[in-house]
Amino acid sequence: MDMETVKLSQIVEKLAPELSPFLTEREMDISIVLRDGLALLEPADAMEIVQHSICNQQREALLQ
């Protein structure tokens, strides 16, 4: 399968909808490149992506 670019919101909606209330609109709008596409993504992978996305957003906010 080829790489696929999706919004974090798509990952959350499909694999971890319970996290949606805890994410900002800015975080949900982050583009994520998936090596094997959304169809093969596992829930544990989704959680890791969400965690890294939040950390990256917080790091950027601190640097501004």
Protein backbone atom coordinates (compact mmCIF):
# COMPACT_ATOMS: atom_id res chain seq x y z
CA MET A 1 0.00 0.00 0.00
CA ASP A 2 1.15 3.54 -0.68
CA MET A 3 1.63 6.40 1.73
CA GLU A 4 -1.47 8.38 2.58
CA THR A 5 -1.86 11.87 4.07
CA VAL A 6 -4.81 12.32 6.42
CA LYS A 7 -5.89 14.81 9.06
CA LEU A 8 -5.50 13.79 12.68
CA SER A 9 -9.27 14.15 12.97
CA GLN A 10 -9.75 11.25 10.54
CA ILE A 11 -7.53 9.00 12.65
CA VAL A 12 -9.32 10.00 15.85
CA GLU A 13 -12.79 9.56 14.36
CA LYS A 14 -11.95 6.09 13.09
CA LEU A 15 -9.81 4.61 15.86
CA ALA A 16 -10.07 6.70 19.03
CA PRO A 17 -13.27 8.80 19.06
CA GLU A 18 -13.16 8.99 22.85
CA LEU A 19 -10.15 11.35 22.52
CA SER A 20 -11.98 13.90 20.40
CA PRO A 21 -13.13 16.12 23.31
CA PHE A 22 -9.55 16.46 24.54
CA LEU A 23 -8.05 17.73 21.28
CA THR A 24 -8.10 21.29 20.03
CA GLU A 25 -9.31 22.25 16.59
CA ARG A 26 -5.72 23.07 15.65
CA GLU A 27 -4.52 19.62 16.74
CA MET A 28 -7.35 17.89 14.87
CA ASP A 29 -6.33 19.75 11.70
CA ILE A 30 -2.72 18.47 11.69
CA SER A 31 -1.74 16.54 8.56
CA ILE A 32 -0.30 13.10 9.24
CA VAL A 33 1.52 10.97 6.66
CA LEU A 34 0.83 7.26 7.12
CA ARG A 35 3.33 4.88 5.56
CA ASP A 36 0.78 2.11 4.98
CA GLY A 37 -2.41 4.17 4.86
CA LEU A 38 -5.35 4.58 7.22
CA ALA A 39 -6.84 1.17 6.44
CA LEU A 40 -3.93 -0.67 8.11
CA LEU A 41 -3.58 1.62 11.13
CA GLU A 42 -4.08 -0.07 14.51
CA PRO A 43 -5.66 1.60 17.59
CA ALA A 44 -2.33 1.52 19.46
CA ASP A 45 -0.68 3.29 16.52
CA ALA A 46 -3.44 5.92 16.57
CA MET A 47 -2.82 6.59 20.26
CA GLU A 48 0.89 7.04 19.63
CA ILE A 49 0.21 9.45 16.75
CA VAL A 50 -2.17 11.49 18.92
CA GLN A 51 0.39 11.65 21.75
CA HIS A 52 3.19 12.83 19.45
CA SER A 53 0.91 15.35 17.76
CA ILE A 54 -0.06 16.90 21.11
CA CYS A 55 3.59 17.05 22.20
CA ASN A 56 4.63 18.70 18.95
CA GLN A 57 1.84 21.29 19.22
CA GLN A 58 2.81 22.10 22.81
CA ARG A 59 6.49 22.39 21.86
CA GLU A 60 5.64 24.81 19.04
CA ALA A 61 3.48 26.89 21.39
CA LEU A 62 6.35 27.18 23.88
CA LEU A 63 8.78 28.28 21.18
CA GLN A 64 6.57 31.12 19.98
